[in-house]
């Protein structure tokens, strides 16, 4: 089966970005500098519970099954 070089559907770390964005925006300081904003993102990255990360990792086999079922397409999200 041909597989694209970049496939975020089967990359568990891709789930981290919306999780971090959601948590950072809850505590967002509009006047934060680049350094402060980077620090906020790093703190949220470190604060992701291991249970959440494990859930993302454990979901990969199901995502792969769904991709195979759809003939290699990942248009099953909509």
Protein backbone atom coordinates (compact mmCIF):
# COMPACT_ATOMS: atom_id res chain seq x y z
CA UNK A 1 0.00 0.00 0.00
CA UNK A 2 1.33 3.45 -0.94
CA UNK A 3 1.57 5.75 2.06
CA UNK A 4 2.16 9.52 2.09
CA UNK A 5 5.35 10.83 3.66
CA UNK A 6 3.42 12.98 6.10
CA UNK A 7 0.40 11.29 7.58
CA UNK A 8 -0.84 13.13 10.68
CA UNK A 9 -3.70 10.66 11.13
CA UNK A 10 -1.25 8.01 12.30
CA UNK A 11 1.00 10.33 14.27
CA UNK A 12 -0.09 10.42 17.90
CA UNK A 13 1.80 13.65 18.59
CA UNK A 14 -0.45 15.52 16.13
CA UNK A 15 -3.24 15.28 18.72
CA UNK A 16 -1.12 17.34 21.10
CA UNK A 17 -1.37 20.58 19.12
CA UNK A 18 -5.13 21.15 19.44
CA UNK A 19 -4.94 19.99 23.08
CA UNK A 20 -2.20 22.52 23.83
CA UNK A 21 -3.94 25.28 21.86
CA UNK A 22 -7.16 24.71 23.79
CA UNK A 23 -5.37 24.89 27.16
CA UNK A 24 -3.16 27.85 26.28
CA UNK A 25 -6.10 29.93 25.05
CA UNK A 26 -7.91 29.36 28.35
CA UNK A 27 -5.10 31.23 30.12
CA UNK A 28 -4.09 33.46 27.20
CA UNK A 29 -2.48 36.77 28.04
CA UNK A 30 -3.01 39.10 25.04
CA UNK A 31 0.17 41.02 25.78
CA UNK A 32 2.44 37.98 26.03
CA UNK A 33 5.77 38.28 24.23
CA UNK A 34 7.16 35.60 21.95
CA UNK A 35 9.25 34.23 24.80
CA UNK A 36 6.29 34.21 27.22
CA UNK A 37 4.03 32.55 24.67
CA UNK A 38 6.68 29.91 23.94
CA UNK A 39 7.01 29.26 27.67
CA UNK A 40 3.20 28.82 27.95
CA UNK A 41 3.21 26.28 25.10
CA UNK A 42 6.14 24.39 26.65
CA UNK A 43 4.40 24.28 30.03
CA UNK A 44 1.22 22.93 28.46
CA UNK A 45 3.21 20.33 26.50
CA UNK A 46 4.81 19.12 29.73
CA UNK A 47 1.40 19.09 31.46
CA UNK A 48 -0.30 16.68 29.04
CA UNK A 49 -1.33 13.75 31.25
CA UNK A 50 0.25 10.42 30.32
CA UNK A 51 -3.25 8.91 30.19
CA UNK A 52 -4.16 11.34 27.41
CA UNK A 53 -0.98 10.51 25.48
CA UNK A 54 -1.64 6.79 25.90
CA UNK A 55 -5.17 7.27 24.55
CA UNK A 56 -3.79 8.97 21.44
CA UNK A 57 -1.26 6.18 20.91
CA UNK A 58 -3.82 3.43 21.47
CA UNK A 59 -6.15 5.01 18.88
CA UNK A 60 -3.65 4.53 16.04
CA UNK A 61 -4.58 0.90 15.16
CA UNK A 62 -8.24 1.92 14.76
CA UNK A 63 -7.25 4.88 12.59
CA UNK A 64 -5.15 2.56 10.40
CA UNK A 65 -8.11 0.15 10.09
CA UNK A 66 -10.34 3.03 9.02
CA UNK A 67 -7.79 4.26 6.47
CA UNK A 68 -7.52 0.75 5.00
CA UNK A 69 -11.31 0.41 4.95
CA UNK A 70 -11.51 3.65 2.96
CA UNK A 71 -8.97 2.48 0.40
CA UNK A 72 -6.11 4.51 1.80
CA UNK A 73 -8.07 7.73 2.05
CA UNK A 74 -8.44 9.59 5.31
CA UNK A 75 -11.70 11.34 4.44
CA UNK A 76 -13.61 9.50 7.16
CA UNK A 77 -13.41 12.40 9.64
CA UNK A 78 -16.17 14.47 8.11
